[in-house]
Protein backbone atom coordinates (compact mmCIF):
# COMPACT_ATOMS: atom_id res chain seq x y z
CA MET A 1 165.72 164.71 16.05
CA ILE A 2 164.56 167.32 18.55
CA LEU A 3 160.82 167.90 18.82
CA THR A 4 159.87 166.57 15.42
CA ARG A 5 156.25 167.61 15.76
CA PHE A 6 157.15 171.24 16.35
CA THR A 7 159.83 171.51 13.69
CA ARG A 8 157.53 170.23 10.96
CA THR A 9 154.44 172.21 11.97
CA SER A 10 152.96 174.01 8.98
CA PRO A 11 150.00 176.33 8.41
CA ALA A 12 148.45 173.91 5.97
CA SER A 13 145.01 173.90 7.52
CA GLY A 14 145.15 177.20 9.31
CA PHE A 15 145.12 175.46 12.68
CA LEU A 16 148.52 174.39 13.93
CA VAL A 17 147.05 172.99 17.11
CA GLY A 18 144.87 170.49 15.31
CA GLY A 19 147.36 169.65 12.59
CA LEU A 20 146.77 169.24 8.90
CA MET A 21 144.54 166.17 9.09
CA ALA A 22 143.21 164.65 12.28
CA LEU A 23 142.66 160.95 11.71
CA THR A 24 140.26 160.68 14.63
CA PRO A 25 138.37 163.43 16.45
CA LEU A 26 138.40 163.49 20.23
CA GLY A 27 134.74 162.47 20.49
CA ILE A 28 132.69 159.92 18.60
CA PRO A 29 132.89 160.84 14.90
CA THR A 30 129.76 162.47 13.60
CA ALA A 31 127.29 160.52 11.56
CA MET A 32 127.67 160.87 7.84
CA ALA A 33 126.37 159.55 4.58
CA ALA A 34 127.73 156.42 2.95
CA SER A 35 130.62 158.46 1.55
CA THR A 36 132.08 161.90 1.88
CA TRP A 37 135.29 163.60 0.81
CA ARG A 38 137.10 166.89 1.10
CA ALA A 39 140.11 168.53 -0.50
CA GLU A 40 142.06 171.57 0.61
CA LEU A 41 144.79 173.77 -0.81
CA SER A 42 146.60 176.18 1.49
CA ALA A 43 149.21 178.75 0.58
CA GLY A 44 150.97 181.13 2.87
CA GLY A 45 154.18 182.05 4.56
CA GLY A 46 155.71 183.38 7.71
CA TYR A 47 158.86 183.87 9.73
CA ASP A 48 160.84 181.27 11.64
CA ASP A 49 163.64 182.32 13.97
CA ASP A 50 165.05 178.77 14.26
CA VAL A 51 164.32 176.79 11.10
CA LEU A 52 165.87 173.52 12.20
CA GLY A 53 165.01 173.49 15.88
CA ARG A 54 168.67 172.71 16.41
CA PRO A 55 170.61 173.04 19.69
CA GLY A 56 171.29 176.52 20.94
CA GLU A 57 173.73 179.32 21.36
CA ASN A 58 176.68 177.33 22.72
CA SER A 59 176.50 174.79 19.91
CA SER A 60 178.36 174.62 16.63
CA PHE A 61 175.05 173.96 14.85
CA PRO A 62 173.68 176.93 12.87
CA ILE A 63 170.65 178.91 14.01
CA LEU A 64 168.76 180.23 11.00
CA ALA A 65 166.24 183.06 11.21
CA THR A 66 164.40 183.46 7.94
CA GLY A 67 161.09 183.88 6.20
CA TYR A 68 159.45 181.04 4.33
CA MET A 69 156.72 180.27 1.78
CA ASN A 70 154.36 177.35 2.24
CA LEU A 71 152.17 175.26 -0.08
CA ALA A 72 150.04 172.41 1.25
CA PRO A 73 147.45 170.39 -0.69
CA SER A 74 145.50 167.58 0.98
CA LEU A 75 142.74 165.09 0.23
CA TRP A 76 140.53 163.12 2.63
CA ALA A 77 137.69 160.63 2.15
CA VAL A 78 135.41 158.54 4.39
CA TRP A 79 133.09 155.66 3.59
CA ALA A 80 130.77 154.81 6.47
CA PRO A 81 128.18 152.10 5.79
CA GLY A 82 126.38 150.96 8.91
CA ARG A 83 128.48 150.62 12.06
CA CYS A 84 131.83 150.53 10.23
CA SER A 85 133.82 153.33 8.67
CA LEU A 86 136.81 153.38 6.33
CA SER A 87 138.87 156.53 5.93
CA GLY A 88 141.95 157.55 4.01
CA GLY A 89 143.85 160.59 2.90
CA TRP A 90 147.03 162.17 1.62
CA SER A 91 148.76 165.42 2.49
CA TYR A 92 151.81 167.22 1.21
CA VAL A 93 153.70 170.19 2.62
CA LEU A 94 156.36 172.24 0.84
CA ASN A 95 158.23 174.84 2.88
CA ALA A 96 160.71 176.93 0.90
CA TYR A 97 162.91 179.19 3.03
CA GLU A 98 164.23 182.58 2.02
CA SER A 99 167.72 181.65 3.16
CA GLU A 100 169.60 179.42 0.71
CA GLU A 101 171.37 177.85 3.66
CA ALA A 102 168.05 176.64 5.03
CA GLY A 103 166.86 175.28 1.68
CA ALA A 104 163.42 173.65 1.63
CA TYR A 105 161.66 170.56 2.88
CA HIS A 106 159.06 168.19 1.43
CA ASP A 107 156.73 166.23 3.69
CA ASN A 108 154.48 163.55 2.15
CA SER A 109 152.12 161.49 4.31
CA GLY A 110 149.34 159.02 3.63
CA GLN A 111 146.75 157.86 6.17
CA ALA A 112 144.20 155.07 6.38
CA GLY A 113 141.83 154.09 9.14
CA PHE A 114 139.10 151.66 10.15
CA GLY A 115 136.46 152.27 12.79
CA PHE A 116 133.78 150.07 14.32
CA ARG A 117 131.01 151.26 16.62
CA VAL A 118 130.47 148.61 19.29
CA ALA A 119 127.75 150.69 21.02
CA PRO A 120 126.03 154.02 20.36
CA ASP A 121 128.59 155.78 22.54
CA VAL A 122 131.70 153.58 22.05
CA GLN A 123 133.90 153.24 18.98
CA LEU A 124 137.09 151.28 18.33
CA ARG A 125 139.54 152.53 15.70
CA LEU A 126 142.72 151.42 13.98
CA ASP A 127 144.61 154.13 12.10
CA GLY A 128 147.83 153.93 10.15
CA GLU A 129 150.13 156.50 8.60
CA VAL A 130 153.14 156.44 6.30
CA GLU A 131 155.33 159.53 6.02
CA TRP A 132 158.34 160.56 3.96
CA PHE A 133 160.23 163.71 4.98
CA HIS A 134 163.11 165.22 2.99
CA ARG A 135 165.22 168.36 3.38
CA THR A 136 167.22 169.81 0.53
CA GLU A 137 169.80 170.91 3.12
CA PHE A 138 170.85 169.08 6.31
CA GLN A 139 169.78 165.68 5.03
CA ASP A 140 170.39 164.11 8.44
CA TYR A 141 166.82 165.29 9.13
CA ASP A 142 165.40 163.04 6.39
CA PHE A 143 163.28 160.17 7.64
CA ASN A 144 160.72 157.54 6.66
CA ARG A 145 158.03 156.75 9.23
CA GLN A 146 155.35 154.09 9.56
CA GLU A 147 152.85 154.29 12.42
CA ALA A 148 149.91 152.25 13.69
CA ALA A 149 147.49 153.64 16.28
CA PRO A 150 144.67 151.56 17.81
CA ALA A 151 142.23 153.68 19.82
CA ALA A 152 139.04 153.49 21.87
CA ILE A 153 136.61 156.42 22.08
CA TRP A 154 133.86 156.74 24.66
CA GLN A 155 131.30 159.54 24.43
CA MET A 156 130.30 159.57 28.11
CA ASP A 157 127.45 162.06 27.66
CA ASP A 158 126.57 165.07 25.53
CA ARG A 159 129.58 167.01 26.82
CA TRP A 160 132.27 164.59 28.02
CA SER A 161 134.37 162.24 25.90
CA LEU A 162 137.28 159.93 26.71
CA HIS A 163 139.87 158.85 24.15
CA GLY A 164 142.65 156.28 24.71
CA THR A 165 145.32 155.63 22.05
CA TRP A 166 148.47 153.56 21.72
CA ARG A 167 150.89 154.66 19.00
CA ARG A 168 153.67 152.43 17.72
CA ALA A 169 156.01 153.64 14.97
CA ARG A 170 159.20 152.82 13.10
CA ILE A 171 161.36 155.74 11.97
CA ALA A 172 164.37 155.23 9.71
CA TYR A 173 166.91 158.01 9.06
CA PRO A 174 168.64 157.15 5.76
CA GLU A 175 171.37 159.77 6.25
CA ARG A 176 172.25 158.74 9.81
CA THR A 177 174.36 155.76 10.79
CA THR A 178 175.01 154.19 14.17
CA GLN A 179 178.50 154.07 15.61
CA ALA A 180 177.91 151.12 17.92
CA LEU A 181 176.58 148.82 15.17
CA GLY A 182 179.18 149.52 12.56
CA GLY A 183 177.42 152.00 10.33
CA GLU A 184 173.88 150.65 10.17
CA THR A 185 171.06 153.07 9.36
CA GLN A 186 169.62 154.63 12.50
CA ILE A 187 166.17 153.23 13.30
CA ASP A 188 163.99 154.50 16.17
CA ARG A 189 160.91 152.71 17.49
CA PRO A 190 158.77 155.10 19.56
CA ASP A 191 155.89 153.93 21.74
CA GLU A 192 153.30 156.35 23.07
CA LEU A 193 150.28 155.81 25.30
CA GLU A 194 147.78 158.69 25.30
CA LEU A 195 144.71 159.41 27.40
CA ALA A 196 142.63 162.43 26.38
CA VAL A 197 139.51 163.97 27.89
CA GLY A 198 137.28 166.43 26.04
CA PHE A 199 134.59 168.71 27.41
CA ASP A 200 132.13 170.77 25.38
CA PHE A 201 131.75 173.85 27.55
CA ASN A 202 128.83 175.01 25.40
CA GLU A 203 127.79 174.95 21.75
CA ARG A 204 130.74 177.13 20.78
CA TRP A 205 133.70 176.14 22.98
CA ARG A 206 135.54 172.89 23.59
CA LEU A 207 138.20 172.15 26.20
CA SER A 208 140.58 169.19 26.09
CA THR A 209 143.50 167.77 28.02
CA MET A 210 145.87 164.91 27.25
CA VAL A 211 148.53 163.01 29.16
CA ALA A 212 150.97 160.71 27.39
CA ARG A 213 153.77 158.33 28.31
CA LEU A 214 156.68 158.20 25.86
CA ALA A 215 159.37 155.58 25.24
CA VAL A 216 161.78 155.41 22.29
CA ASP A 217 164.05 152.45 21.52
CA SER A 218 166.84 153.00 19.01
CA ASN A 219 169.84 151.19 17.60
CA SER A 220 171.68 154.46 18.28
CA ARG A 221 171.90 154.55 22.08
CA GLN A 222 172.08 158.32 22.49
CA TYR A 223 168.62 158.71 20.90
CA GLU A 224 166.85 156.38 23.33
CA TYR A 225 164.68 158.15 25.88
CA GLY A 226 161.59 157.91 28.07
CA GLY A 227 159.34 160.67 29.21
CA ASP A 228 155.87 162.15 29.49
CA ARG A 229 153.78 164.95 28.05
CA ILE A 230 150.72 166.86 29.24
CA SER A 231 148.74 169.37 27.20
CA PHE A 232 145.70 171.61 27.55
CA GLY A 233 143.74 172.97 24.61
CA ILE A 234 140.75 175.15 23.83
CA SER A 235 138.94 175.81 20.56
CA GLY A 236 135.80 177.63 19.59
CA ASP A 237 133.99 180.24 17.58
CA ILE A 238 134.19 183.97 18.23
CA GLY A 239 131.53 185.70 16.22
CA ARG A 240 129.90 184.32 13.12
CA SER A 241 132.95 183.89 10.91
CA TRP A 242 135.89 183.64 13.32
CA ALA A 243 137.37 180.58 15.00
CA VAL A 244 140.28 180.35 17.43
CA GLY A 245 142.35 177.56 18.92
CA GLY A 246 145.08 177.38 21.51
CA GLU A 247 147.26 174.77 23.19
CA ILE A 248 149.94 174.73 25.85
CA ALA A 249 152.05 171.61 26.44
CA ARG A 250 154.91 170.45 28.65
CA GLU A 251 157.15 167.52 27.73
CA ARG A 252 159.97 165.82 29.64
CA ARG A 253 162.59 163.49 28.16
CA ASN A 254 165.24 161.40 29.95
CA TYR A 255 168.16 160.22 27.79
CA ASP A 256 169.67 157.77 30.26
CA ARG A 257 172.13 156.37 27.72
CA PHE A 258 173.14 159.65 26.15
CA LEU A 259 176.94 159.80 25.73
CA TYR A 260 178.35 163.30 25.82
CA PRO A 261 182.02 164.25 26.20
CA ILE A 262 182.72 166.03 29.51
CA GLN A 263 185.79 168.24 30.05
CA LEU A 264 187.47 167.39 33.36
CA PRO A 265 189.35 170.01 35.44
CA SER A 266 192.56 168.21 34.59
CA GLY A 267 191.90 168.79 30.89
CA ALA A 268 191.08 165.18 30.17
CA VAL A 269 187.86 164.27 28.35
CA ARG A 270 185.60 161.37 29.27
CA PRO A 271 182.16 160.29 28.06
CA GLY A 272 179.28 161.52 30.15
CA VAL A 273 176.11 159.57 30.83
CA GLY A 274 172.58 160.90 31.05
CA ARG A 275 170.68 163.94 29.86
CA GLU A 276 167.27 165.41 30.75
CA ASP A 277 165.29 167.84 28.58
CA VAL A 278 162.13 169.77 29.48
CA SER A 279 160.18 171.76 26.91
CA ILE A 280 157.16 174.07 27.06
CA SER A 281 155.29 174.95 23.87
CA LEU A 282 152.46 177.34 23.12
CA ALA A 283 150.39 177.64 19.95
CA ILE A 284 147.61 180.09 19.11
CA ASP A 285 145.69 180.04 15.82
CA LEU A 286 143.02 182.21 14.29
CA GLU A 287 140.81 181.53 11.26
CA ARG A 288 138.43 183.83 9.39
CA ARG A 289 135.85 182.33 7.05
CA ILE A 290 135.27 184.66 4.12
CA VAL A 291 133.58 184.06 0.75
CA GLY A 292 132.37 180.51 0.08
CA ASN A 293 135.01 177.90 0.97
CA THR A 294 137.83 180.42 1.31
CA ARG A 295 139.45 181.03 4.70
CA LEU A 296 142.22 183.23 6.01
CA PHE A 297 144.40 181.91 8.83
CA ALA A 298 147.20 183.07 11.10
CA GLY A 299 149.22 181.31 13.76
CA LEU A 300 151.85 181.86 16.43
CA ALA A 301 153.92 179.03 17.92
CA TYR A 302 156.58 179.33 20.61
CA LEU A 303 158.89 176.68 22.06
CA ASP A 304 161.21 176.91 25.06
CA TYR A 305 163.51 173.89 25.17
CA ALA A 306 165.66 173.45 28.27
CA SER A 307 168.28 170.76 28.77
CA SER A 308 170.71 169.62 31.44
CA LEU A 309 173.32 170.05 28.69
CA ASP A 310 173.57 173.68 27.62
CA ASP A 311 174.38 172.80 24.02
CA TYR A 312 170.90 171.34 23.59
CA ALA A 313 168.89 174.26 25.00
CA PHE A 314 167.17 176.72 22.65
CA ASP A 315 163.96 178.66 22.08
CA ARG A 316 161.99 179.22 18.93
CA THR A 317 159.21 181.44 17.60
CA ARG A 318 157.28 180.83 14.41
CA LEU A 319 154.72 183.12 12.77
CA SER A 320 152.48 181.93 9.93
CA GLY A 321 149.57 183.11 7.85
CA GLY A 322 147.86 182.52 4.54
CA VAL A 323 144.73 181.49 2.74
CA SER A 324 143.06 178.08 2.27
CA PHE A 325 140.49 176.80 -0.20
CA ARG A 326 138.31 173.84 0.74
CA PHE A 327 136.24 171.66 -1.53
CA GLY A 328 134.29 168.49 -1.12
CA GLN A 329 131.06 166.63 -0.63
CA PRO A 330 129.46 167.37 2.74
CA ALA A 331 128.65 164.48 5.02
CA ALA A 332 125.01 164.38 4.02
CA ALA A 333 122.89 162.93 1.27
CA ALA A 334 122.73 164.99 -1.88
CA PRO A 335 119.49 166.88 -2.57
CA GLY A 336 116.96 165.16 -4.79
CA PRO A 337 116.36 165.62 -8.52
CA TRP A 338 113.73 168.31 -7.90
CA ASP A 339 116.30 170.71 -6.44
CA THR A 340 117.41 173.07 -9.21
CA GLY A 341 118.12 176.79 -9.43
CA ILE A 342 118.80 179.15 -6.56
CA PHE A 343 115.90 177.87 -4.44
CA GLY A 344 115.30 174.59 -6.24
CA SER A 345 112.00 173.47 -7.69
CA THR A 346 108.67 174.46 -6.19
CA THR A 347 107.77 170.76 -6.13
CA PRO A 348 108.30 169.32 -2.64
CA ALA A 349 110.94 166.59 -2.40
CA ARG A 350 109.35 163.19 -1.84
CA ASN A 351 111.36 162.00 1.12
CA PRO A 352 110.33 160.63 4.56
CA LEU A 353 112.72 163.16 6.15
CA SER A 354 110.94 166.11 4.59
CA PRO A 355 109.43 168.62 7.06
CA THR A 356 105.74 167.92 7.70
CA VAL A 357 103.04 170.35 8.84
CA GLY A 358 100.52 169.03 11.35
CA ALA A 359 98.10 170.18 14.00
CA ASN A 360 100.91 170.53 16.58
CA GLY A 361 103.30 172.42 14.30
CA VAL A 362 106.11 171.67 11.83
CA THR A 363 108.13 168.50 12.41
CA PHE A 364 111.77 168.48 11.27
CA ARG A 365 113.67 165.20 10.93
CA CYS A 366 117.35 164.29 10.53
CA ARG A 367 118.80 160.81 10.05
CA ALA A 368 121.96 160.55 12.19
CA PRO A 369 122.12 157.09 13.82
CA ARG A 370 125.61 157.54 15.28
CA ALA A 371 125.21 161.09 16.56
CA THR A 372 125.01 161.96 20.25
CA SER A 373 123.27 165.33 19.82
CA VAL A 374 121.43 167.08 16.97
CA HIS A 375 120.12 170.66 16.96
CA LEU A 376 117.89 172.49 14.51
CA VAL A 377 119.46 175.83 13.58
CA GLY A 378 117.92 178.46 11.34
CA THR A 379 116.02 181.69 10.98
CA MET A 380 113.31 180.41 13.32
CA ASN A 381 115.81 180.74 16.20
CA ASP A 382 118.14 183.43 14.84
CA TRP A 383 120.76 180.75 14.03
CA LEU A 384 121.38 179.95 17.70
CA THR A 385 123.06 176.53 17.81
CA GLY A 386 121.59 175.40 21.13
CA ALA A 387 118.06 176.78 20.91
CA HIS A 388 116.23 173.72 19.54
CA PRO A 389 117.67 170.30 20.50
CA MET A 390 116.16 167.33 18.67
CA THR A 391 115.14 164.05 20.31
CA GLY A 392 116.43 160.66 19.20
CA PRO A 393 117.64 158.60 17.69
CA THR A 394 114.78 156.25 16.86
CA PRO A 395 115.55 152.63 15.96
CA ASP A 396 115.88 153.91 12.38
CA GLY A 397 118.44 156.50 13.47
CA VAL A 398 116.13 159.51 13.05
CA TRP A 399 116.09 162.62 15.26
CA GLU A 400 113.14 165.00 15.24
CA THR A 401 111.62 168.09 16.79
CA THR A 402 108.27 169.86 16.33
CA LEU A 403 107.94 173.66 16.39
CA LYS A 404 104.98 175.99 16.17
CA LEU A 405 105.77 178.46 13.40
CA ASP A 406 103.97 181.45 11.95
CA PRO A 407 103.48 181.60 8.18
CA GLY A 408 106.64 182.64 6.35
CA LEU A 409 109.87 181.52 4.71
CA TYR A 410 112.35 179.69 6.96
CA ARG A 411 115.94 178.67 6.27
CA TYR A 412 117.47 175.89 8.36
CA ILE A 413 120.30 173.35 8.74
CA PHE A 414 121.23 170.67 11.32
CA HIS A 415 124.13 170.96 13.81
CA ILE A 416 125.40 167.51 14.82
CA ASP A 417 127.63 166.70 17.81
CA THR A 418 128.57 170.41 18.00
CA THR A 419 131.04 169.97 15.12
CA GLU A 420 129.20 169.07 11.90
CA TRP A 421 126.82 171.19 9.85
CA ARG A 422 124.46 168.85 7.95
CA THR A 423 122.48 169.92 4.87
CA PRO A 424 118.88 168.70 5.42
CA GLU A 425 117.88 165.64 3.47
CA GLY A 426 114.43 165.94 1.88
CA ALA A 427 114.05 169.69 2.29
CA HIS A 428 111.30 171.21 0.17
CA LEU A 429 113.70 173.80 -1.26
CA TYR A 430 117.43 174.55 -1.08
CA GLU A 431 119.73 177.55 -1.35
CA ASP A 432 123.52 177.96 -1.09
CA ASP A 433 124.76 179.14 2.30
CA ASP A 434 128.13 180.55 1.07
CA PHE A 435 129.99 178.04 3.25
CA GLY A 436 130.15 175.14 0.82
CA GLN A 437 126.81 173.57 1.76
CA ARG A 438 123.10 174.32 1.28
CA ASN A 439 120.42 175.38 3.70
CA GLY A 440 116.97 173.85 3.59
CA VAL A 441 114.19 176.33 2.82
CA LEU A 442 110.64 175.84 4.11
CA ASP A 443 107.65 177.98 3.13
CA VAL A 444 104.97 177.75 5.81
CA ALA A 445 101.94 178.81 3.83
CA ALA A 446 99.21 178.47 6.45
CA PRO A 447 99.09 179.13 10.19
CA VAL A 448 99.83 176.08 12.30
CA THR A 449 99.85 177.81 15.70
CA ASP A 450 97.92 180.33 17.73
CA GLY A 451 100.55 182.95 16.94
CA ALA A 452 103.64 181.58 18.69
CA GLY A 453 106.95 182.29 17.08
CA GLY A 454 108.32 185.39 15.45
CA GLY A 455 108.47 184.41 11.79
CA PRO A 456 111.52 184.57 9.57
CA SER A 457 114.57 186.49 10.75
CA SER A 458 117.03 188.53 8.72
CA VAL A 459 119.95 187.42 10.91
CA THR A 460 122.85 186.14 8.81
CA ASN A 461 123.83 182.48 9.01
CA PRO A 462 126.68 182.47 11.55
CA ARG A 463 128.75 179.76 9.85
């Protein structure tokens, strides 16, 4: 199979660069409640000028340019008591092509993972995945895959993270047989060592780079290869409802045992030995958050695949777009029994994390024992994500900050590790934020300062 990852890319999540479900983020996973879950349904379509990613213009293989429709449901859950975390999920992708010759494909995958935090800034993980891929046409692309991926993650400071992963898989192709072993099913065993570095440029933008060493053993000699890959990526927010991601990657493969018939000047044919492929891929994705949990997405992916054998060189462009609906329980404790109606009850929630008013101002608290940074974001700072960092964690895992506020109504939420929006636990009041979570609402009834601060702002929540 040529460039499996590219050929099966789908707009399921709206971000092709990140993939449908990332088992492990690049940095230390954000702190969360004892359990959380999310579900997503994406529907869309696009245009693919090379459906199969097959060899190019000099080959007898078909090149199919066609539109397609896509449907992709997924489910993900995490249980994180103490220093351990258990995660699992399922995803499904259906791509139905306009061309009858291209047919359709079904891609089912299930994931499970275990993580253990050995130190506040170091986590060890073991993730596994099982995948079943089937095409209604060209069944030689069908495969069953099992993969295990131990990893170590080090959050070096607030901005830098280091992620090392070893991936070991077994891929069986039920419709392919080996010639050398008398018709046995083809089985590949890829090994991949990855080293990734992430850098949070600021509160909105994240840069990443990854280098990987590849090696594939197979009982079909011509599919054995070694190689390397390097990639650079960027992701971030542009405006209050837009997000963008991009990645460029280069991969090299050496098929030292590849047997290919070579035409000699005399007219005789003999087997050739060796083949080298070099590919460059580019992906750009855009997402627009609209009402509630609904998002619009669009993506462009391009692949230039060069080979020392002309028959295996090709290029490919894929356009995608659609809409996604996300549901779930945010990674935060649910509001208390006093929280009802649009603002909740007027009775303050009885919780040690509730905001408290004192002589020095209003103290906000957030329990996030495994976080590396927590910021208070709200109308008191015009929803600027980096304006009010919180200090912590305490031995109990609590972060806090104290602000001098004028009397008025304030809406607020916590931003954790630059990636997670956390609904405040123990807020006096709550209201929906139109992004699937709830903001805390605080009514400062009496002056607690000498006039510092500008009071509530009418600036819209940027999420």
